[in-house]
Each structure stands twice: as structure tokens, then as C-alpha cells.
Amino acid sequence: MTSNNDNEKNLEELLLQTEVLLSKTVDIWQEEQRQKEGVKNRVSGGYYMMSRAAEKDLRALYRANSNASLIFSVMR
């Protein structure tokens, strides 16, 4: 028959193991969140959509000032 001391030791060991697992789980989750934030606004393939009006304005900007258009494209 096991004593109360043995039961307490087993429970303490289980608690310690649970705390370690929880800590590792939190660390993994936080790393996944950081990775998600790093690629949040990236589009696979480097493509993006633009409204027809915005595309028309971009063409007008290029005709009016090609240097400004180039700078805008780099910033975008």
C-alpha cells in the first residue's frame, strides 16, 4: 500500500511535467504567432490585385512623372 507521501511525490512530479509541457506549448505557440506576423501581408507569388481606378491613376502618374511612378512602385 502506498503512503500519502508517495502519492504527494507522484502528484508533484506530474505537476512539474505538466508545467514543463505547458511552457513548451506556449513557446511553440508564440513562435508560430511571430512567424505568422512576419508573413501577414505577403502574397504568395508576389502578385496583388488593384482596382481599375487605381490602375488608371497609376498609368496617369507614369505619364505625368515617370520618376514619381517608379518611386511609388518601389514603395508599394
PDB file of N, CA and C in Angstrom:
ATOM      1  N   MET A   1       0.843  -1.178   0.000  1.00  0.00           N
ATOM      2  CA  MET A   1       0.000   0.000   0.000  1.00  0.00           C
ATOM      3  C   MET A   1       0.892   1.246   0.000  1.00  0.00           C
ATOM      4  N   THR A   2       0.529   2.209  -0.825  1.00  0.00           N
ATOM      5  CA  THR A   2       1.338   3.425  -0.908  1.00  0.00           C
ATOM      6  C   THR A   2       0.906   4.406   0.155  1.00  0.00           C
ATOM      7  N   SER A   3       1.863   5.177   0.589  1.00  0.00           N
ATOM      8  CA  SER A   3       1.574   6.159   1.631  1.00  0.00           C
ATOM      9  C   SER A   3       1.159   7.474   0.996  1.00  0.00           C
ATOM     10  N   ASN A   4       0.699   8.370   1.844  1.00  0.00           N
ATOM     11  CA  ASN A   4       0.327   9.703   1.369  1.00  0.00           C
ATOM     12  C   ASN A   4       1.530  10.437   0.810  1.00  0.00           C
ATOM     13  N   ASN A   5       2.723  10.220   1.386  1.00  0.00           N
ATOM     14  CA  ASN A   5       3.941  10.856   0.906  1.00  0.00           C
ATOM     15  C   ASN A   5       4.245  10.438  -0.521  1.00  0.00           C
ATOM     16  N   ASP A   6       4.086   9.148  -0.798  1.00  0.00           N
ATOM     17  CA  ASP A   6       4.325   8.646  -2.157  1.00  0.00           C
ATOM     18  C   ASP A   6       3.338   9.269  -3.144  1.00  0.00           C
ATOM     19  N   ASN A   7       2.091   9.364  -2.734  1.00  0.00           N
ATOM     20  CA  ASN A   7       1.067   9.972  -3.596  1.00  0.00           C
ATOM     21  C   ASN A   7       1.375  11.437  -3.852  1.00  0.00           C
ATOM     22  N   GLU A   8       1.795  12.140  -2.812  1.00  0.00           N
ATOM     23  CA  GLU A   8       2.136  13.551  -2.969  1.00  0.00           C
ATOM     24  C   GLU A   8       3.338  13.724  -3.891  1.00  0.00           C
ATOM     25  N   LYS A   9       4.340  12.872  -3.741  1.00  0.00           N
ATOM     26  CA  LYS A   9       5.518  12.943  -4.610  1.00  0.00           C
ATOM     27  C   LYS A   9       5.139  12.682  -6.051  1.00  0.00           C
ATOM     28  N   ASN A  10       4.279  11.700  -6.277  1.00  0.00           N
ATOM     29  CA  ASN A  10       3.826  11.396  -7.642  1.00  0.00           C
ATOM     30  C   ASN A  10       3.050  12.571  -8.238  1.00  0.00           C
ATOM     31  N   LEU A  11       2.194  13.161  -7.416  1.00  0.00           N
ATOM     32  CA  LEU A  11       1.411  14.299  -7.886  1.00  0.00           C
ATOM     33  C   LEU A  11       2.313  15.495  -8.195  1.00  0.00           C
ATOM     34  N   GLU A  12       3.298  15.730  -7.341  1.00  0.00           N
ATOM     35  CA  GLU A  12       4.226  16.833  -7.575  1.00  0.00           C
ATOM     36  C   GLU A  12       5.031  16.609  -8.852  1.00  0.00           C
ATOM     37  N   GLU A  13       5.444  15.374  -9.083  1.00  0.00           N
ATOM     38  CA  GLU A  13       6.186  15.056 -10.308  1.00  0.00           C
ATOM     39  C   GLU A  13       5.300  15.253 -11.543  1.00  0.00           C
ATOM     40  N   LEU A  14       4.058  14.813 -11.458  1.00  0.00           N
ATOM     41  CA  LEU A  14       3.125  15.011 -12.569  1.00  0.00           C
ATOM     42  C   LEU A  14       2.864  16.499 -12.815  1.00  0.00           C
ATOM     43  N   LEU A  15       2.751  17.254 -11.739  1.00  0.00           N
ATOM     44  CA  LEU A  15       2.538  18.687 -11.873  1.00  0.00           C
ATOM     45  C   LEU A  15       3.733  19.348 -12.547  1.00  0.00           C
ATOM     46  N   LEU A  16       4.931  18.966 -12.145  1.00  0.00           N
ATOM     47  CA  LEU A  16       6.137  19.516 -12.751  1.00  0.00           C
ATOM     48  C   LEU A  16       6.198  19.178 -14.241  1.00  0.00           C
ATOM     49  N   GLN A  17       5.898  17.943 -14.592  1.00  0.00           N
ATOM     50  CA  GLN A  17       5.901  17.534 -16.003  1.00  0.00           C
ATOM     51  C   GLN A  17       4.853  18.315 -16.792  1.00  0.00           C
ATOM     52  N   THR A  18       3.704  18.527 -16.192  1.00  0.00           N
ATOM     53  CA  THR A  18       2.637  19.286 -16.852  1.00  0.00           C
ATOM     54  C   THR A  18       3.051  20.737 -17.071  1.00  0.00           C
ATOM     55  N   GLU A  19       3.688  21.331 -16.077  1.00  0.00           N
ATOM     56  CA  GLU A  19       4.156  22.706 -16.214  1.00  0.00           C
ATOM     57  C   GLU A  19       5.193  22.831 -17.318  1.00  0.00           C
ATOM     58  N   VAL A  20       6.107  21.847 -17.420  1.00  0.00           N
ATOM     59  CA  VAL A  20       7.121  21.862 -18.473  1.00  0.00           C
ATOM     60  C   VAL A  20       6.455  21.753 -19.847  1.00  0.00           C
ATOM     61  N   LEU A  21       5.498  20.832 -19.982  1.00  0.00           N
ATOM     62  CA  LEU A  21       4.789  20.670 -21.258  1.00  0.00           C
ATOM     63  C   LEU A  21       4.023  21.936 -21.626  1.00  0.00           C
ATOM     64  N   LEU A  22       3.380  22.544 -20.648  1.00  0.00           N
ATOM     65  CA  LEU A  22       2.634  23.773 -20.912  1.00  0.00           C
ATOM     66  C   LEU A  22       3.573  24.889 -21.352  1.00  0.00           C
ATOM     67  N   SER A  23       4.703  25.004 -20.699  1.00  0.00           N
ATOM     68  CA  SER A  23       5.682  26.030 -21.065  1.00  0.00           C
ATOM     69  C   SER A  23       6.181  25.827 -22.494  1.00  0.00           C
ATOM     70  N   LYS A  24       6.472  24.576 -22.856  1.00  0.00           N
ATOM     71  CA  LYS A  24       6.922  24.284 -24.220  1.00  0.00           C
ATOM     72  C   LYS A  24       5.828  24.604 -25.226  1.00  0.00           C
ATOM     73  N   THR A  25       4.601  24.282 -24.884  1.00  0.00           N
ATOM     74  CA  THR A  25       3.473  24.545 -25.777  1.00  0.00           C
ATOM     75  C   THR A  25       3.303  26.045 -26.003  1.00  0.00           C
ATOM     76  N   VAL A  26       3.411  26.824 -24.941  1.00  0.00           N
ATOM     77  CA  VAL A  26       3.297  28.278 -25.050  1.00  0.00           C
ATOM     78  C   VAL A  26       4.428  28.825 -25.911  1.00  0.00           C
ATOM     79  N   ASP A  27       5.646  28.324 -25.709  1.00  0.00           N
ATOM     80  CA  ASP A  27       6.781  28.771 -26.511  1.00  0.00           C
ATOM     81  C   ASP A  27       6.558  28.486 -27.991  1.00  0.00           C
ATOM     82  N   ILE A  28       6.069  27.290 -28.311  1.00  0.00           N
ATOM     83  CA  ILE A  28       5.805  26.917 -29.706  1.00  0.00           C
ATOM     84  C   ILE A  28       4.716  27.820 -30.288  1.00  0.00           C
ATOM     85  N   TRP A  29       3.659  28.044 -29.523  1.00  0.00           N
ATOM     86  CA  TRP A  29       2.564  28.894 -29.999  1.00  0.00           C
ATOM     87  C   TRP A  29       3.058  30.309 -30.261  1.00  0.00           C
ATOM     88  N   GLN A  30       3.870  30.859 -29.338  1.00  0.00           N
ATOM     89  CA  GLN A  30       4.380  32.214 -29.531  1.00  0.00           C
ATOM     90  C   GLN A  30       5.274  32.303 -30.763  1.00  0.00           C
ATOM     91  N   GLU A  31       6.084  31.293 -31.010  1.00  0.00           N
ATOM     92  CA  GLU A  31       6.936  31.288 -32.205  1.00  0.00           C
ATOM     93  C   GLU A  31       6.090  31.232 -33.472  1.00  0.00           C
ATOM     94  N   GLU A  32       5.028  30.430 -33.454  1.00  0.00           N
ATOM     95  CA  GLU A  32       4.127  30.369 -34.605  1.00  0.00           C
ATOM     96  C   GLU A  32       3.468  31.725 -34.851  1.00  0.00           C
ATOM     97  N   GLN A  33       3.084  32.416 -33.781  1.00  0.00           N
ATOM     98  CA  GLN A  33       2.481  33.739 -33.921  1.00  0.00           C
ATOM     99  C   GLN A  33       3.478  34.722 -34.526  1.00  0.00           C
ATOM    100  N   ARG A  34       4.744  34.684 -34.081  1.00  0.00           N
ATOM    101  CA  ARG A  34       5.768  35.563 -34.646  1.00  0.00           C
ATOM    102  C   ARG A  34       5.963  35.279 -36.128  1.00  0.00           C
ATOM    103  N   GLN A  35       5.960  33.996 -36.494  1.00  0.00           N
ATOM    104  CA  GLN A  35       6.134  33.644 -37.905  1.00  0.00           C
ATOM    105  C   GLN A  35       4.947  34.122 -38.735  1.00  0.00           C
ATOM    106  N   LYS A  36       3.745  33.998 -38.189  1.00  0.00           N
ATOM    107  CA  LYS A  36       2.560  34.479 -38.902  1.00  0.00           C
ATOM    108  C   LYS A  36       2.625  35.979 -39.128  1.00  0.00           C
ATOM    109  N   GLU A  37       3.042  36.710 -38.115  1.00  0.00           N
ATOM    110  CA  GLU A  37       3.146  38.164 -38.241  1.00  0.00           C
ATOM    111  C   GLU A  37       4.170  38.553 -39.301  1.00  0.00           C
ATOM    112  N   GLY A  38       5.216  37.748 -39.431  1.00  0.00           N
ATOM    113  CA  GLY A  38       6.263  38.047 -40.407  1.00  0.00           C
ATOM    114  C   GLY A  38       5.795  37.943 -41.843  1.00  0.00           C
ATOM    115  N   VAL A  39       4.786  37.120 -42.084  1.00  0.00           N
ATOM    116  CA  VAL A  39       4.301  36.931 -43.456  1.00  0.00           C
ATOM    117  C   VAL A  39       2.851  37.369 -43.612  1.00  0.00           C
ATOM    118  N   LYS A  40       2.363  38.121 -42.665  1.00  0.00           N
ATOM    119  CA  LYS A  40       0.951  38.508 -42.632  1.00  0.00           C
ATOM    120  C   LYS A  40       0.488  39.191 -43.906  1.00  0.00           C
ATOM    121  N   ASN A  41       1.239  40.152 -44.393  1.00  0.00           N
ATOM    122  CA  ASN A  41       0.805  40.929 -45.558  1.00  0.00           C
ATOM    123  C   ASN A  41       1.482  40.506 -46.849  1.00  0.00           C
ATOM    124  N   ARG A  42       2.198  39.421 -46.805  1.00  0.00           N
ATOM    125  CA  ARG A  42       2.854  38.945 -48.027  1.00  0.00           C
ATOM    126  C   ARG A  42       1.875  38.133 -48.858  1.00  0.00           C
ATOM    127  N   VAL A  43       2.061  38.224 -50.137  1.00  0.00           N
ATOM    128  CA  VAL A  43       1.205  37.488 -51.063  1.00  0.00           C
ATOM    129  C   VAL A  43       2.087  36.478 -51.775  1.00  0.00           C
ATOM    130  N   SER A  44       1.664  35.224 -51.799  1.00  0.00           N
ATOM    131  CA  SER A  44       2.483  34.217 -52.452  1.00  0.00           C
ATOM    132  C   SER A  44       2.586  34.522 -53.939  1.00  0.00           C
ATOM    133  N   GLY A  45       3.762  34.377 -54.479  1.00  0.00           N
ATOM    134  CA  GLY A  45       3.986  34.651 -55.886  1.00  0.00           C
ATOM    135  C   GLY A  45       4.281  36.110 -56.171  1.00  0.00           C
ATOM    136  N   GLY A  46       4.108  36.986 -55.196  1.00  0.00           N
ATOM    137  CA  GLY A  46       4.411  38.392 -55.377  1.00  0.00           C
ATOM    138  C   GLY A  46       3.351  39.150 -56.162  1.00  0.00           C
ATOM    139  N   TYR A  47       2.174  38.590 -56.339  1.00  0.00           N
ATOM    140  CA  TYR A  47       1.115  39.254 -57.087  1.00  0.00           C
ATOM    141  C   TYR A  47       0.137  39.914 -56.140  1.00  0.00           C
ATOM    142  N   TYR A  48      -0.520  40.953 -56.610  1.00  0.00           N
ATOM    143  CA  TYR A  48      -1.532  41.627 -55.823  1.00  0.00           C
ATOM    144  C   TYR A  48      -2.607  42.141 -56.777  1.00  0.00           C
ATOM    145  N   MET A  49      -3.758  42.427 -56.219  1.00  0.00           N
ATOM    146  CA  MET A  49      -4.849  42.943 -57.047  1.00  0.00           C
ATOM    147  C   MET A  49      -4.967  44.446 -56.844  1.00  0.00           C
ATOM    148  N   MET A  50      -5.440  45.090 -57.873  1.00  0.00           N
ATOM    149  CA  MET A  50      -5.590  46.535 -57.837  1.00  0.00           C
ATOM    150  C   MET A  50      -6.906  46.871 -58.541  1.00  0.00           C
ATOM    151  N   SER A  51      -7.612  47.851 -58.008  1.00  0.00           N
ATOM    152  CA  SER A  51      -8.861  48.244 -58.645  1.00  0.00           C
ATOM    153  C   SER A  51      -8.562  48.906 -59.995  1.00  0.00           C
ATOM    154  N   ARG A  52      -9.552  48.916 -60.857  1.00  0.00           N
ATOM    155  CA  ARG A  52      -9.365  49.548 -62.179  1.00  0.00           C
ATOM    156  C   ARG A  52      -9.058  51.040 -62.037  1.00  0.00           C
ATOM    157  N   ALA A  53      -9.715  51.676 -61.073  1.00  0.00           N
ATOM    158  CA  ALA A  53      -9.487  53.114 -60.863  1.00  0.00           C
ATOM    159  C   ALA A  53      -8.045  53.361 -60.413  1.00  0.00           C
ATOM    160  N   ALA A  54      -7.554  52.523 -59.512  1.00  0.00           N
ATOM    161  CA  ALA A  54      -6.181  52.690 -59.037  1.00  0.00           C
ATOM    162  C   ALA A  54      -5.186  52.426 -60.160  1.00  0.00           C
ATOM    163  N   GLU A  55      -5.475  51.449 -60.986  1.00  0.00           N
ATOM    164  CA  GLU A  55      -4.598  51.149 -62.120  1.00  0.00           C
ATOM    165  C   GLU A  55      -4.582  52.324 -63.108  1.00  0.00           C
ATOM    166  N   LYS A  56      -5.757  52.903 -63.326  1.00  0.00           N
ATOM    167  CA  LYS A  56      -5.859  54.069 -64.214  1.00  0.00           C
ATOM    168  C   LYS A  56      -5.048  55.240 -63.649  1.00  0.00           C
ATOM    169  N   ASP A  57      -5.164  55.472 -62.341  1.00  0.00           N
ATOM    170  CA  ASP A  57      -4.394  56.543 -61.695  1.00  0.00           C
ATOM    171  C   ASP A  57      -2.898  56.278 -61.781  1.00  0.00           C
ATOM    172  N   LEU A  58      -2.498  55.044 -61.653  1.00  0.00           N
ATOM    173  CA  LEU A  58      -1.081  54.695 -61.735  1.00  0.00           C
ATOM    174  C   LEU A  58      -0.538  54.965 -63.145  1.00  0.00           C
ATOM    175  N   ARG A  59      -1.317  54.635 -64.164  1.00  0.00           N
ATOM    176  CA  ARG A  59      -0.897  54.931 -65.542  1.00  0.00           C
ATOM    177  C   ARG A  59      -0.789  56.440 -65.764  1.00  0.00           C
ATOM    178  N   ALA A  60      -1.729  57.197 -65.206  1.00  0.00           N
ATOM    179  CA  ALA A  60      -1.689  58.659 -65.332  1.00  0.00           C
ATOM    180  C   ALA A  60      -0.462  59.220 -64.626  1.00  0.00           C
ATOM    181  N   LEU A  61      -0.134  58.667 -63.466  1.00  0.00           N
ATOM    182  CA  LEU A  61       1.060  59.113 -62.750  1.00  0.00           C
ATOM    183  C   LEU A  61       2.308  58.815 -63.561  1.00  0.00           C
ATOM    184  N   TYR A  62       2.347  57.659 -64.203  1.00  0.00           N
ATOM    185  CA  TYR A  62       3.512  57.309 -65.016  1.00  0.00           C
ATOM    186  C   TYR A  62       3.670  58.278 -66.188  1.00  0.00           C
ATOM    187  N   ARG A  63       2.549  58.623 -66.814  1.00  0.00           N
ATOM    188  CA  ARG A  63       2.623  59.563 -67.939  1.00  0.00           C
ATOM    189  C   ARG A  63       3.055  60.953 -67.464  1.00  0.00           C
ATOM    190  N   ALA A  64       2.565  61.364 -66.297  1.00  0.00           N
ATOM    191  CA  ALA A  64       2.865  62.705 -65.793  1.00  0.00           C
ATOM    192  C   ALA A  64       4.297  62.803 -65.258  1.00  0.00           C
ATOM    193  N   ASN A  65       4.740  61.752 -64.543  1.00  0.00           N
ATOM    194  CA  ASN A  65       6.071  61.812 -63.948  1.00  0.00           C
ATOM    195  C   ASN A  65       6.557  60.374 -63.733  1.00  0.00           C
ATOM    196  N   SER A  66       7.352  59.899 -64.667  1.00  0.00           N
ATOM    197  CA  SER A  66       7.784  58.501 -64.599  1.00  0.00           C
ATOM    198  C   SER A  66       8.660  58.232 -63.377  1.00  0.00           C
ATOM    199  N   ASN A  67       9.448  59.225 -62.938  1.00  0.00           N
ATOM    200  CA  ASN A  67      10.277  59.028 -61.745  1.00  0.00           C
ATOM    201  C   ASN A  67       9.409  58.850 -60.499  1.00  0.00           C
ATOM    202  N   ALA A  68       8.387  59.658 -60.374  1.00  0.00           N
ATOM    203  CA  ALA A  68       7.466  59.533 -59.241  1.00  0.00           C
ATOM    204  C   ALA A  68       6.772  58.181 -59.278  1.00  0.00           C
ATOM    205  N   SER A  69       6.406  57.748 -60.462  1.00  0.00           N
ATOM    206  CA  SER A  69       5.755  56.452 -60.614  1.00  0.00           C
ATOM    207  C   SER A  69       6.689  55.326 -60.182  1.00  0.00           C
ATOM    208  N   LEU A  70       7.956  55.423 -60.561  1.00  0.00           N
ATOM    209  CA  LEU A  70       8.945  54.408 -60.176  1.00  0.00           C
ATOM    210  C   LEU A  70       9.115  54.373 -58.663  1.00  0.00           C
ATOM    211  N   ILE A  71       9.215  55.539 -58.045  1.00  0.00           N
ATOM    212  CA  ILE A  71       9.365  55.604 -56.587  1.00  0.00           C
ATOM    213  C   ILE A  71       8.145  55.006 -55.910  1.00  0.00           C
ATOM    214  N   PHE A  72       6.964  55.337 -56.404  1.00  0.00           N
ATOM    215  CA  PHE A  72       5.743  54.783 -55.843  1.00  0.00           C
ATOM    216  C   PHE A  72       5.720  53.261 -55.970  1.00  0.00           C
ATOM    217  N   SER A  73       6.127  52.746 -57.118  1.00  0.00           N
ATOM    218  CA  SER A  73       6.145  51.292 -57.316  1.00  0.00           C
ATOM    219  C   SER A  73       7.099  50.595 -56.359  1.00  0.00           C
ATOM    220  N   VAL A  74       8.238  51.215 -56.114  1.00  0.00           N
ATOM    221  CA  VAL A  74       9.202  50.612 -55.173  1.00  0.00           C
ATOM    222  C   VAL A  74       8.625  50.611 -53.763  1.00  0.00           C
ATOM    223  N   MET A  75       8.001  51.715 -53.377  1.00  0.00           N
ATOM    224  CA  MET A  75       7.428  51.800 -52.020  1.00  0.00           C
ATOM    225  C   MET A  75       6.266  50.834 -51.861  1.00  0.00           C
ATOM    226  N   ARG A  76       5.501  50.655 -52.909  1.00  0.00           N
ATOM    227  CA  ARG A  76       4.332  49.785 -52.846  1.00  0.00           C
ATOM    228  C   ARG A  76       4.764  48.370 -52.687  1.00  0.00           C
TER     229      ARG A  76
END
